[in-house]
Every structure is written in C-alpha cells, then in structure tokens.
Amino acid sequence: MAATQTLDTLHPAPEVPVRKVGSDDLNAVLREGYRDFLDRRGDLVVVGLIYPLIGVVAAVVSLGGALIPLFFPIAAGIGLLGPIAALGFYELARRREAGLDARWSHFLDFMKRPAADSILAVAGILFLIFFAWLAVAWILYGAFIGVRPESVGDFLNRLFTTPEGWQLILVGNLVGLVFATIVLMVSVVSLPMLVDCDVDARTALGTSVKAVMANKAMMVRWGVTVAVLLALGSIPAFVGLAFVLPWLGYATWHLYTRLVDRSALTECQTG
C-alpha cells in the first residue's frame, strides 16, 4: 500500500480539463464526421473488418444448436468493439487536423504513436468487456430458457413465442445497456486521446470517465444516437456498417476535440 502511494506521489496522473457540450455540438460533430466520410470515405476498409465478423456470426449459426443462442449477443456486441475498429479513422482525422498526409497507407499508423502500448491496453479492456458480455448472455439464456435449440427456427420460436423468451429479451437488453454504458465511458475519449497524445492509459481512461460524467445528458443522447445508427447499419447483414462505422469514427474524433481541453496537454499532435 505504501509503495503504491509512493508511486502515485512520484508519478501522479495529470488532471486533464474537460468541457461541457450541448446539442449543437453533437449535431455539429455528426455533420463534420459525415463531411470527413465524403472526403475520405473508408467503406472499403470497414468492409474488410466487417466480413470476418459476419463469418464468425455465420459460423455460430452453422455449428448448430449449441452456439445459436450467441447469435444475437455477437451481433449486438459489434457496438462494444466499434471503438477499436475506429482507431484508424481517429489517426486519419488527427493527421488531417495537423496538416499531415492522410492517405489510406496511414490507416494503421496509430500503432506507431507514442501511446501505442496504452492503446493496446484499452483495446484489451474492450475485448474483455465483449467476452464478458457473451458470458453473461450465455448465463442468461441458461437461466431463462436453458433448452438447447435444435435449429435456428426452434431458437427463434422459443425466443419470441414464450414468456421465458420475452423475459430473456427484456433482461438481456437491460444488461446489454449496462455493458454499452461501460464501453461509452471507457472509450469515447480515451482511444482518440491516446491516438492524439502521448499519455498513459490511466490518464486517458480517467479523462474519458470524467468527460462523460460532466456531460451525462449529452452522453446519453450520444449513446442512443450511436446505438440507433449501429442498429440501422446492421440491417441487412451488417452491410450498412461500412458507412456507419467510418462516419461515427470521424464524428467521435470531433466529439473528443470538443470534450477535452487539449491545450493543457503538450504531448498532443506530435507528427
């Protein structure tokens, strides 16, 4: 305990100022993100990220009844991993803002940033949250229905035509909301900040939580907007995500620039 206190005294996490945002800001970042998408689209890049996921979902279905109950949790979990898929768009937005070349060859350059290790750490947290969500979804299915489905049709019948199925839908969505809220608090500022600045993961995570807590109503609205756009983009067969993910990636960068006072951080925009 004493050693921890000494370490914190020697290397205190810097306090990063955050700002209040309003409805006009949220509308503006969506417009700016859309303009960025039109200028530097990204749908082809996202297709390369989406189709492996579609393959996983298809494999879950094709493997038979044992894993069919995870179909909807995996599909819904796309939003939990969305901030990781957006890292390349944060990098392109950062480079454009700094007046640097922002070609697609730079899409993975976030791994060359000074805070690359911290980026991996936060990404690892998001993966843990995703797998925790799948584990909880599996437990909930066992608690409410429990019977191994014989086919996709049998699973859908049990889910939508039985009281237990509707209870699972209700509770599952409420639990999913909790997981989505955690991801929002953890990632909305931290990942763009780590792409932008040479800070540690603790500082980035703390600033992200602080920014959300300082803007509760607006962050609820932002979370709902993201959820709706991701849901629409997932219909049909996730194809729309090739448009939605780049748009939200660019928009989240602009939201970060409004939420955080970067003038207090001298480690930002370092080429």
C-alpha atoms as a PDB file:
ATOM      1  CA  MET A   1       0.000   0.000   0.000  1.00  0.00           C
ATOM      2  CA  ALA A   2       2.792   2.392   0.965  1.00  0.00           C
ATOM      3  CA  ALA A   3       4.659   1.531  -2.230  1.00  0.00           C
ATOM      4  CA  THR A   4       1.549   2.327  -4.292  1.00  0.00           C
ATOM      5  CA  GLN A   5       1.105   5.660  -2.554  1.00  0.00           C
ATOM      6  CA  THR A   6       4.773   6.498  -3.143  1.00  0.00           C
ATOM      7  CA  LEU A   7       4.434   5.618  -6.849  1.00  0.00           C
ATOM      8  CA  ASP A   8       1.349   7.792  -7.184  1.00  0.00           C
ATOM      9  CA  THR A   9       3.182  10.648  -5.487  1.00  0.00           C
ATOM     10  CA  LEU A  10       6.171  10.332  -7.802  1.00  0.00           C
ATOM     11  CA  HIS A  11       4.088   9.848 -10.955  1.00  0.00           C
ATOM     12  CA  PRO A  12       0.679  11.457 -10.391  1.00  0.00           C
ATOM     13  CA  ALA A  13      -1.838  11.164 -13.197  1.00  0.00           C
ATOM     14  CA  PRO A  14      -2.280  14.620 -14.749  1.00  0.00           C
ATOM     15  CA  GLU A  15      -5.657  16.278 -14.473  1.00  0.00           C
ATOM     16  CA  VAL A  16      -6.935  16.924 -17.978  1.00  0.00           C
ATOM     17  CA  PRO A  17      -9.643  19.614 -18.170  1.00  0.00           C
ATOM     18  CA  VAL A  18     -12.890  18.620 -19.846  1.00  0.00           C
ATOM     19  CA  ARG A  19     -15.581  20.815 -21.333  1.00  0.00           C
ATOM     20  CA  LYS A  20     -19.354  20.835 -21.365  1.00  0.00           C
ATOM     21  CA  VAL A  21     -21.011  20.143 -24.705  1.00  0.00           C
ATOM     22  CA  GLY A  22     -24.555  20.737 -25.878  1.00  0.00           C
ATOM     23  CA  SER A  23     -26.994  19.593 -28.523  1.00  0.00           C
ATOM     24  CA  ASP A  24     -25.441  21.931 -31.084  1.00  0.00           C
ATOM     25  CA  ASP A  25     -22.079  20.272 -30.523  1.00  0.00           C
ATOM     26  CA  LEU A  26     -23.479  16.786 -31.065  1.00  0.00           C
ATOM     27  CA  ASN A  27     -25.224  17.880 -34.243  1.00  0.00           C
ATOM     28  CA  ALA A  28     -22.032  19.578 -35.421  1.00  0.00           C
ATOM     29  CA  VAL A  29     -19.785  16.543 -34.849  1.00  0.00           C
ATOM     30  CA  LEU A  30     -22.174  14.346 -36.826  1.00  0.00           C
ATOM     31  CA  ARG A  31     -22.097  16.840 -39.704  1.00  0.00           C
ATOM     32  CA  GLU A  32     -18.315  17.104 -39.536  1.00  0.00           C
ATOM     33  CA  GLY A  33     -17.957  13.333 -39.385  1.00  0.00           C
ATOM     34  CA  TYR A  34     -20.179  12.970 -42.443  1.00  0.00           C
ATOM     35  CA  ARG A  35     -18.119  15.534 -44.353  1.00  0.00           C
ATOM     36  CA  ASP A  36     -14.958  13.653 -43.435  1.00  0.00           C
ATOM     37  CA  PHE A  37     -16.546  10.435 -44.676  1.00  0.00           C
ATOM     38  CA  LEU A  38     -17.397  12.010 -48.015  1.00  0.00           C
ATOM     39  CA  ASP A  39     -13.868  13.363 -48.342  1.00  0.00           C
ATOM     40  CA  ARG A  40     -12.079  10.244 -47.100  1.00  0.00           C
ATOM     41  CA  ARG A  41     -14.668   7.516 -47.241  1.00  0.00           C
ATOM     42  CA  GLY A  42     -13.430   4.346 -45.646  1.00  0.00           C
ATOM     43  CA  ASP A  43     -16.219   1.972 -46.547  1.00  0.00           C
ATOM     44  CA  LEU A  44     -13.831  -0.408 -48.302  1.00  0.00           C
ATOM     45  CA  VAL A  45     -11.617  -0.526 -45.220  1.00  0.00           C
ATOM     46  CA  VAL A  46     -14.564  -1.273 -42.969  1.00  0.00           C
ATOM     47  CA  VAL A  47     -15.801  -3.989 -45.316  1.00  0.00           C
ATOM     48  CA  GLY A  48     -12.502  -5.726 -44.633  1.00  0.00           C
ATOM     49  CA  LEU A  49     -13.209  -5.517 -40.914  1.00  0.00           C
ATOM     50  CA  ILE A  50     -16.895  -6.450 -41.095  1.00  0.00           C
ATOM     51  CA  TYR A  51     -16.839  -9.543 -43.248  1.00  0.00           C
ATOM     52  CA  PRO A  52     -14.655 -11.578 -40.885  1.00  0.00           C
ATOM     53  CA  LEU A  53     -17.190 -10.765 -38.189  1.00  0.00           C
ATOM     54  CA  ILE A  54     -20.019 -11.839 -40.478  1.00  0.00           C
ATOM     55  CA  GLY A  55     -18.120 -15.076 -40.968  1.00  0.00           C
ATOM     56  CA  VAL A  56     -17.969 -15.602 -37.216  1.00  0.00           C
ATOM     57  CA  VAL A  57     -21.700 -14.998 -36.887  1.00  0.00           C
ATOM     58  CA  ALA A  58     -22.402 -17.355 -39.786  1.00  0.00           C
ATOM     59  CA  ALA A  59     -20.155 -19.972 -38.186  1.00  0.00           C
ATOM     60  CA  VAL A  60     -22.091 -19.701 -34.937  1.00  0.00           C
ATOM     61  CA  VAL A  61     -25.286 -20.493 -36.792  1.00  0.00           C
ATOM     62  CA  SER A  62     -23.809 -23.240 -38.951  1.00  0.00           C
ATOM     63  CA  LEU A  63     -22.236 -25.028 -35.993  1.00  0.00           C
ATOM     64  CA  GLY A  64     -25.659 -25.969 -34.753  1.00  0.00           C
ATOM     65  CA  GLY A  65     -27.809 -25.600 -31.683  1.00  0.00           C
ATOM     66  CA  ALA A  66     -25.079 -25.339 -29.064  1.00  0.00           C
ATOM     67  CA  LEU A  67     -23.971 -21.840 -30.129  1.00  0.00           C
ATOM     68  CA  ILE A  68     -27.111 -20.475 -31.767  1.00  0.00           C
ATOM     69  CA  PRO A  69     -28.113 -18.584 -28.562  1.00  0.00           C
ATOM     70  CA  LEU A  70     -24.991 -16.437 -29.028  1.00  0.00           C
ATOM     71  CA  PHE A  71     -26.115 -15.167 -32.427  1.00  0.00           C
ATOM     72  CA  PHE A  72     -27.868 -12.034 -31.162  1.00  0.00           C
ATOM     73  CA  PRO A  73     -25.278 -11.269 -28.437  1.00  0.00           C
ATOM     74  CA  ILE A  74     -22.474 -11.392 -31.018  1.00  0.00           C
ATOM     75  CA  ALA A  75     -24.418  -9.193 -33.420  1.00  0.00           C
ATOM     76  CA  ALA A  76     -25.263  -6.735 -30.648  1.00  0.00           C
ATOM     77  CA  GLY A  77     -21.683  -6.822 -29.427  1.00  0.00           C
ATOM     78  CA  ILE A  78     -20.440  -5.126 -32.585  1.00  0.00           C
ATOM     79  CA  GLY A  79     -21.018  -1.810 -30.875  1.00  0.00           C
ATOM     80  CA  LEU A  80     -18.774  -2.852 -27.975  1.00  0.00           C
ATOM     81  CA  LEU A  81     -15.848  -3.331 -30.353  1.00  0.00           C
ATOM     82  CA  GLY A  82     -16.696  -0.374 -32.610  1.00  0.00           C
ATOM     83  CA  PRO A  83     -14.196   1.985 -30.906  1.00  0.00           C
ATOM     84  CA  ILE A  84     -11.371  -0.425 -31.786  1.00  0.00           C
ATOM     85  CA  ALA A  85     -12.469  -0.527 -35.436  1.00  0.00           C
ATOM     86  CA  ALA A  86     -12.486   3.294 -35.404  1.00  0.00           C
ATOM     87  CA  LEU A  87      -8.829   3.680 -34.367  1.00  0.00           C
ATOM     88  CA  GLY A  88      -7.668   4.084 -37.959  1.00  0.00           C
ATOM     89  CA  PHE A  89     -10.211   6.823 -38.560  1.00  0.00           C
ATOM     90  CA  TYR A  90      -9.023   8.661 -35.445  1.00  0.00           C
ATOM     91  CA  GLU A  91      -5.498   8.538 -36.895  1.00  0.00           C
ATOM     92  CA  LEU A  92      -6.593   9.871 -40.288  1.00  0.00           C
ATOM     93  CA  ALA A  93      -8.581  12.656 -38.604  1.00  0.00           C
ATOM     94  CA  ARG A  94      -5.596  13.537 -36.407  1.00  0.00           C
ATOM     95  CA  ARG A  95      -3.256  13.708 -39.373  1.00  0.00           C
ATOM     96  CA  ARG A  96      -5.626  15.892 -41.386  1.00  0.00           C
ATOM     97  CA  GLU A  97      -6.057  18.264 -38.455  1.00  0.00           C
ATOM     98  CA  ALA A  98      -2.273  18.509 -38.066  1.00  0.00           C
ATOM     99  CA  GLY A  99      -1.830  19.235 -41.767  1.00  0.00           C
ATOM    100  CA  LEU A 100      -0.106  15.911 -42.409  1.00  0.00           C
ATOM    101  CA  ASP A 101      -0.568  13.477 -45.268  1.00  0.00           C
ATOM    102  CA  ALA A 102      -3.668  11.376 -44.511  1.00  0.00           C
ATOM    103  CA  ARG A 103      -3.700   8.658 -47.132  1.00  0.00           C
ATOM    104  CA  TRP A 104      -5.055   5.175 -46.525  1.00  0.00           C
ATOM    105  CA  SER A 105      -1.493   3.948 -46.128  1.00  0.00           C
ATOM    106  CA  HIS A 106      -1.603   5.752 -42.776  1.00  0.00           C
ATOM    107  CA  PHE A 107      -4.720   3.947 -41.539  1.00  0.00           C
ATOM    108  CA  LEU A 108      -2.760   1.682 -39.187  1.00  0.00           C
ATOM    109  CA  ASP A 109      -0.252   4.318 -38.132  1.00  0.00           C
ATOM    110  CA  PHE A 110      -1.959   4.624 -34.760  1.00  0.00           C
ATOM    111  CA  MET A 111       0.254   1.660 -33.837  1.00  0.00           C
ATOM    112  CA  LYS A 112       3.273   3.934 -34.385  1.00  0.00           C
ATOM    113  CA  ARG A 113       2.016   6.564 -31.972  1.00  0.00           C
ATOM    114  CA  PRO A 114       3.934   7.110 -28.703  1.00  0.00           C
ATOM    115  CA  ALA A 115       0.979   5.763 -26.704  1.00  0.00           C
ATOM    116  CA  ALA A 116       0.631   2.561 -28.768  1.00  0.00           C
ATOM    117  CA  ASP A 117       1.072   0.336 -25.699  1.00  0.00           C
ATOM    118  CA  SER A 118      -1.702   2.189 -23.913  1.00  0.00           C
ATOM    119  CA  ILE A 119      -3.918   1.897 -26.999  1.00  0.00           C
ATOM    120  CA  LEU A 120      -3.448  -1.878 -26.871  1.00  0.00           C
ATOM    121  CA  ALA A 121      -4.213  -1.880 -23.155  1.00  0.00           C
ATOM    122  CA  VAL A 122      -7.526  -0.052 -23.627  1.00  0.00           C
ATOM    123  CA  ALA A 123      -8.379  -2.230 -26.630  1.00  0.00           C
ATOM    124  CA  GLY A 124      -7.714  -5.247 -24.431  1.00  0.00           C
ATOM    125  CA  ILE A 125     -10.173  -3.892 -21.865  1.00  0.00           C
ATOM    126  CA  LEU A 126     -12.823  -3.549 -24.562  1.00  0.00           C
ATOM    127  CA  PHE A 127     -12.240  -7.132 -25.703  1.00  0.00           C
ATOM    128  CA  LEU A 128     -12.604  -8.304 -22.101  1.00  0.00           C
ATOM    129  CA  ILE A 129     -15.889  -6.393 -21.831  1.00  0.00           C
ATOM    130  CA  PHE A 130     -17.073  -8.009 -25.077  1.00  0.00           C
ATOM    131  CA  PHE A 131     -16.282 -11.539 -23.894  1.00  0.00           C
ATOM    132  CA  ALA A 132     -17.803 -10.789 -20.501  1.00  0.00           C
ATOM    133  CA  TRP A 133     -20.979  -9.740 -22.327  1.00  0.00           C
ATOM    134  CA  LEU A 134     -21.030 -13.033 -24.231  1.00  0.00           C
ATOM    135  CA  ALA A 135     -20.534 -14.976 -20.994  1.00  0.00           C
ATOM    136  CA  VAL A 136     -23.355 -13.102 -19.275  1.00  0.00           C
ATOM    137  CA  ALA A 137     -25.616 -13.569 -22.319  1.00  0.00           C
ATOM    138  CA  TRP A 138     -24.926 -17.325 -22.201  1.00  0.00           C
ATOM    139  CA  ILE A 139     -25.741 -17.446 -18.477  1.00  0.00           C
ATOM    140  CA  LEU A 140     -28.962 -15.505 -19.037  1.00  0.00           C
ATOM    141  CA  TYR A 141     -30.041 -17.893 -21.782  1.00  0.00           C
ATOM    142  CA  GLY A 142     -29.435 -20.824 -19.481  1.00  0.00           C
ATOM    143  CA  ALA A 143     -31.362 -19.162 -16.656  1.00  0.00           C
ATOM    144  CA  PHE A 144     -34.441 -18.203 -18.699  1.00  0.00           C
ATOM    145  CA  ILE A 145     -34.676 -20.884 -21.385  1.00  0.00           C
ATOM    146  CA  GLY A 146     -31.933 -23.410 -20.817  1.00  0.00           C
ATOM    147  CA  VAL A 147     -33.026 -25.831 -23.537  1.00  0.00           C
ATOM    148  CA  ARG A 148     -30.532 -26.413 -26.322  1.00  0.00           C
ATOM    149  CA  PRO A 149     -32.216 -25.311 -29.599  1.00  0.00           C
ATOM    150  CA  GLU A 150     -32.369 -27.906 -32.347  1.00  0.00           C
ATOM    151  CA  SER A 151     -32.253 -25.294 -35.107  1.00  0.00           C
ATOM    152  CA  VAL A 152     -32.389 -21.576 -35.752  1.00  0.00           C
ATOM    153  CA  GLY A 153     -36.154 -21.833 -36.199  1.00  0.00           C
ATOM    154  CA  ASP A 154     -36.520 -23.626 -32.877  1.00  0.00           C
ATOM    155  CA  PHE A 155     -34.405 -20.948 -31.172  1.00  0.00           C
ATOM    156  CA  LEU A 156     -36.430 -18.083 -32.652  1.00  0.00           C
ATOM    157  CA  ASN A 157     -39.672 -19.825 -31.725  1.00  0.00           C
ATOM    158  CA  ARG A 158     -38.595 -20.191 -28.092  1.00  0.00           C
ATOM    159  CA  LEU A 159     -37.316 -16.623 -28.022  1.00  0.00           C
ATOM    160  CA  PHE A 160     -40.351 -14.849 -29.479  1.00  0.00           C
ATOM    161  CA  THR A 161     -43.317 -17.053 -28.602  1.00  0.00           C
ATOM    162  CA  THR A 162     -42.707 -17.969 -24.964  1.00  0.00           C
ATOM    163  CA  PRO A 163     -42.870 -15.896 -21.761  1.00  0.00           C
ATOM    164  CA  GLU A 164     -39.355 -17.036 -20.906  1.00  0.00           C
ATOM    165  CA  GLY A 165     -38.111 -15.798 -24.265  1.00  0.00           C
ATOM    166  CA  TRP A 166     -39.579 -12.336 -23.783  1.00  0.00           C
ATOM    167  CA  GLN A 167     -38.172 -12.185 -20.250  1.00  0.00           C
ATOM    168  CA  LEU A 168     -34.769 -13.022 -21.727  1.00  0.00           C
ATOM    169  CA  ILE A 169     -35.156 -10.267 -24.328  1.00  0.00           C
ATOM    170  CA  LEU A 170     -36.084  -7.712 -21.659  1.00  0.00           C
ATOM    171  CA  VAL A 171     -33.371  -8.617 -19.178  1.00  0.00           C
ATOM    172  CA  GLY A 172     -30.789  -9.158 -21.920  1.00  0.00           C
ATOM    173  CA  ASN A 173     -31.373  -5.697 -23.346  1.00  0.00           C
ATOM    174  CA  LEU A 174     -31.114  -4.095 -19.905  1.00  0.00           C
ATOM    175  CA  VAL A 175     -27.864  -5.920 -19.208  1.00  0.00           C
ATOM    176  CA  GLY A 176     -26.608  -5.020 -22.671  1.00  0.00           C
ATOM    177  CA  LEU A 177     -27.354  -1.378 -21.894  1.00  0.00           C
ATOM    178  CA  VAL A 178     -25.090  -1.620 -18.850  1.00  0.00           C
ATOM    179  CA  PHE A 179     -22.260  -3.040 -20.944  1.00  0.00           C
ATOM    180  CA  ALA A 180     -22.766  -0.378 -23.631  1.00  0.00           C
ATOM    181  CA  THR A 181     -22.642   2.350 -20.975  1.00  0.00           C
ATOM    182  CA  ILE A 182     -19.370   0.985 -19.637  1.00  0.00           C
ATOM    183  CA  VAL A 183     -17.863   0.942 -23.129  1.00  0.00           C
ATOM    184  CA  LEU A 184     -19.016   4.510 -23.756  1.00  0.00           C
ATOM    185  CA  MET A 185     -17.457   5.738 -20.521  1.00  0.00           C
ATOM    186  CA  VAL A 186     -14.232   3.840 -21.125  1.00  0.00           C
ATOM    187  CA  SER A 187     -13.662   4.628 -24.796  1.00  0.00           C
ATOM    188  CA  VAL A 188     -15.388   7.798 -26.019  1.00  0.00           C
ATOM    189  CA  VAL A 189     -12.404   9.976 -25.062  1.00  0.00           C
ATOM    190  CA  SER A 190      -9.641   7.536 -24.145  1.00  0.00           C
ATOM    191  CA  LEU A 191      -8.923   5.978 -27.554  1.00  0.00           C
ATOM    192  CA  PRO A 192      -8.945   9.206 -29.607  1.00  0.00           C
ATOM    193  CA  MET A 193      -6.871  10.828 -26.850  1.00  0.00           C
ATOM    194  CA  LEU A 194      -4.278   8.041 -26.963  1.00  0.00           C
ATOM    195  CA  VAL A 195      -4.068   8.340 -30.747  1.00  0.00           C
ATOM    196  CA  ASP A 196      -3.689  12.100 -30.336  1.00  0.00           C
ATOM    197  CA  CYS A 197      -1.433  12.380 -27.292  1.00  0.00           C
ATOM    198  CA  ASP A 198       1.435  10.699 -25.504  1.00  0.00           C
ATOM    199  CA  VAL A 199      -0.388   9.951 -22.259  1.00  0.00           C
ATOM    200  CA  ASP A 200      -0.774   6.792 -20.206  1.00  0.00           C
ATOM    201  CA  ALA A 201      -3.844   4.571 -20.235  1.00  0.00           C
ATOM    202  CA  ARG A 202      -4.856   5.572 -16.710  1.00  0.00           C
ATOM    203  CA  THR A 203      -4.948   9.260 -17.633  1.00  0.00           C
ATOM    204  CA  ALA A 204      -6.902   8.580 -20.823  1.00  0.00           C
ATOM    205  CA  LEU A 205      -9.431   6.326 -19.076  1.00  0.00           C
ATOM    206  CA  GLY A 206      -9.861   8.766 -16.196  1.00  0.00           C
ATOM    207  CA  THR A 207     -10.403  11.676 -18.572  1.00  0.00           C
ATOM    208  CA  SER A 208     -12.955   9.665 -20.557  1.00  0.00           C
ATOM    209  CA  VAL A 209     -14.981   8.857 -17.443  1.00  0.00           C
ATOM    210  CA  LYS A 210     -14.711  12.467 -16.238  1.00  0.00           C
ATOM    211  CA  ALA A 211     -15.910  13.813 -19.589  1.00  0.00           C
ATOM    212  CA  VAL A 212     -18.926  11.503 -19.598  1.00  0.00           C
ATOM    213  CA  MET A 213     -19.844  12.340 -16.010  1.00  0.00           C
ATOM    214  CA  ALA A 214     -19.596  16.068 -16.783  1.00  0.00           C
ATOM    215  CA  ASN A 215     -21.962  15.677 -19.747  1.00  0.00           C
ATOM    216  CA  LYS A 216     -24.400  12.973 -18.603  1.00  0.00           C
ATOM    217  CA  ALA A 217     -27.441  14.096 -20.593  1.00  0.00           C
ATOM    218  CA  MET A 218     -25.487  14.741 -23.786  1.00  0.00           C
ATOM    219  CA  MET A 219     -23.613  11.448 -23.480  1.00  0.00           C
ATOM    220  CA  VAL A 220     -26.912   9.600 -23.069  1.00  0.00           C
ATOM    221  CA  ARG A 221     -28.082  11.250 -26.265  1.00  0.00           C
ATOM    222  CA  TRP A 222     -24.806  10.395 -27.990  1.00  0.00           C
ATOM    223  CA  GLY A 223     -25.023   6.793 -26.842  1.00  0.00           C
ATOM    224  CA  VAL A 224     -28.577   6.481 -28.146  1.00  0.00           C
ATOM    225  CA  THR A 225     -27.541   8.029 -31.465  1.00  0.00           C
ATOM    226  CA  VAL A 226     -24.656   5.589 -31.821  1.00  0.00           C
ATOM    227  CA  ALA A 227     -26.858   2.619 -30.894  1.00  0.00           C
ATOM    228  CA  VAL A 228     -29.547   3.585 -33.409  1.00  0.00           C
ATOM    229  CA  LEU A 229     -27.046   4.139 -36.224  1.00  0.00           C
ATOM    230  CA  LEU A 230     -25.284   0.845 -35.493  1.00  0.00           C
ATOM    231  CA  ALA A 231     -28.616  -0.988 -35.421  1.00  0.00           C
ATOM    232  CA  LEU A 232     -29.651   0.537 -38.744  1.00  0.00           C
ATOM    233  CA  GLY A 233     -26.233  -0.208 -40.191  1.00  0.00           C
ATOM    234  CA  SER A 234     -26.541  -3.855 -39.200  1.00  0.00           C
ATOM    235  CA  ILE A 235     -29.657  -4.294 -41.359  1.00  0.00           C
ATOM    236  CA  PRO A 236     -29.324  -6.206 -43.560  1.00  0.00           C
ATOM    237  CA  ALA A 237     -26.299  -8.455 -42.971  1.00  0.00           C
ATOM    238  CA  PHE A 238     -24.161  -5.677 -41.441  1.00  0.00           C
ATOM    239  CA  VAL A 239     -23.587  -4.083 -44.866  1.00  0.00           C
ATOM    240  CA  GLY A 240     -24.613  -0.616 -43.678  1.00  0.00           C
ATOM    241  CA  LEU A 241     -21.808  -0.626 -41.134  1.00  0.00           C
ATOM    242  CA  ALA A 242     -19.416   0.092 -43.991  1.00  0.00           C
ATOM    243  CA  PHE A 243     -20.946   3.585 -43.962  1.00  0.00           C
ATOM    244  CA  VAL A 244     -21.868   3.938 -40.281  1.00  0.00           C
ATOM    245  CA  LEU A 245     -18.550   2.947 -38.685  1.00  0.00           C
ATOM    246  CA  PRO A 246     -16.374   5.450 -40.603  1.00  0.00           C
ATOM    247  CA  TRP A 247     -18.958   8.184 -40.061  1.00  0.00           C
ATOM    248  CA  LEU A 248     -19.099   7.525 -36.318  1.00  0.00           C
ATOM    249  CA  GLY A 249     -15.324   7.176 -36.152  1.00  0.00           C
ATOM    250  CA  TYR A 250     -14.748  10.613 -37.621  1.00  0.00           C
ATOM    251  CA  ALA A 251     -17.606  12.097 -35.577  1.00  0.00           C
ATOM    252  CA  THR A 252     -16.192  10.655 -32.343  1.00  0.00           C
ATOM    253  CA  TRP A 253     -12.860  12.324 -33.084  1.00  0.00           C
ATOM    254  CA  HIS A 254     -14.595  15.683 -33.411  1.00  0.00           C
ATOM    255  CA  LEU A 255     -16.544  14.985 -30.217  1.00  0.00           C
ATOM    256  CA  TYR A 256     -13.277  14.279 -28.397  1.00  0.00           C
ATOM    257  CA  THR A 257     -11.820  17.595 -29.556  1.00  0.00           C
ATOM    258  CA  ARG A 258     -14.822  19.367 -28.031  1.00  0.00           C
ATOM    259  CA  LEU A 259     -14.855  17.396 -24.789  1.00  0.00           C
ATOM    260  CA  VAL A 260     -11.168  17.749 -23.908  1.00  0.00           C
ATOM    261  CA  ASP A 261      -9.098  20.896 -23.474  1.00  0.00           C
ATOM    262  CA  ARG A 262      -6.064  19.755 -25.429  1.00  0.00           C
ATOM    263  CA  SER A 263      -4.224  22.994 -24.803  1.00  0.00           C
ATOM    264  CA  ALA A 264      -3.447  21.574 -21.348  1.00  0.00           C
ATOM    265  CA  LEU A 265      -1.605  18.649 -22.964  1.00  0.00           C
ATOM    266  CA  THR A 266       1.748  19.430 -24.545  1.00  0.00           C
ATOM    267  CA  GLU A 267       2.147  15.832 -25.736  1.00  0.00           C
ATOM    268  CA  CYS A 268      -0.538  16.084 -28.423  1.00  0.00           C
ATOM    269  CA  GLN A 269      -0.207  16.333 -32.205  1.00  0.00           C
ATOM    270  CA  THR A 270       3.420  15.156 -32.304  1.00  0.00           C
ATOM    271  CA  GLY A 271       3.611  14.338 -36.006  1.00  0.00           C
END
